[in-house]
């Protein structure tokens, strides 16, 4: 079995797992961990979208 990811899907998978690690390591209470993890994922996702638009604008 071979998994082929696009750059976008690889970035989202990375954001997901990095957000889990950040949430666990940076906060003490489970509710705070989840909230911080979701916030980090949103920031990663927003960064990916913003970077993709910048790269598109540079290309055109």
Protein backbone atom coordinates (compact mmCIF):
# COMPACT_ATOMS: atom_id res chain seq x y z
CA UNK A 1 0.00 0.00 0.00
CA UNK A 2 1.37 3.39 -1.00
CA UNK A 3 0.06 6.73 0.18
CA UNK A 4 0.66 9.71 -2.06
CA UNK A 5 -0.07 13.11 -0.56
CA UNK A 6 -0.26 16.43 -2.30
CA UNK A 7 1.61 19.34 -0.77
CA UNK A 8 -1.66 20.68 0.63
CA UNK A 9 -2.74 17.40 2.23
CA UNK A 10 0.76 16.81 3.65
CA UNK A 11 0.68 20.29 5.22
CA UNK A 12 -2.73 19.60 6.75
CA UNK A 13 -1.59 16.22 8.15
CA UNK A 14 1.48 17.94 9.61
CA UNK A 15 -0.70 20.69 11.09
CA UNK A 16 -2.99 18.10 12.67
CA UNK A 17 -0.23 16.17 14.41
CA UNK A 18 1.78 19.26 15.37
CA UNK A 19 -1.35 20.78 16.91
CA UNK A 20 -1.89 17.65 19.00
CA UNK A 21 1.69 17.81 20.28
CA UNK A 22 1.46 21.56 20.98
CA UNK A 23 -1.81 21.15 22.86
CA UNK A 24 -0.47 18.34 25.03
CA UNK A 25 2.87 19.95 25.80
CA UNK A 26 1.83 23.57 26.32
CA UNK A 27 -1.28 23.32 28.52
CA UNK A 28 -2.11 21.51 31.75
CA UNK A 29 -5.89 20.98 31.76
CA UNK A 30 -7.58 18.73 29.15
CA UNK A 31 -10.07 21.44 28.15
CA UNK A 32 -7.23 23.93 27.63
CA UNK A 33 -5.25 21.32 25.66
CA UNK A 34 -8.11 20.80 23.23
CA UNK A 35 -8.81 24.52 22.87
CA UNK A 36 -5.13 25.32 22.26
CA UNK A 37 -4.75 22.41 19.82
CA UNK A 38 -7.73 23.59 17.79
CA UNK A 39 -6.38 27.15 17.84
CA UNK A 40 -2.96 25.94 16.63
CA UNK A 41 -4.58 23.89 13.87
CA UNK A 42 -6.55 26.92 12.72
CA UNK A 43 -3.39 29.03 12.67
CA UNK A 44 -1.51 26.36 10.70
CA UNK A 45 -4.41 26.01 8.26
CA UNK A 46 -4.68 29.77 7.83
CA UNK A 47 -0.94 29.98 7.27
CA UNK A 48 -1.11 27.30 4.58
CA UNK A 49 -3.93 29.13 2.79
CA UNK A 50 -2.15 32.50 3.06
CA UNK A 51 1.15 31.05 1.82
CA UNK A 52 -0.58 29.36 -1.11
CA UNK A 53 -2.17 32.67 -2.18
CA UNK A 54 1.18 34.45 -1.92
CA UNK A 55 2.83 31.79 -4.06
CA UNK A 56 -0.02 32.03 -6.59
CA UNK A 57 0.35 35.81 -6.75
CA UNK A 58 4.12 35.51 -7.26
CA UNK A 59 3.58 33.07 -10.11
CA UNK A 60 1.11 35.30 -11.95
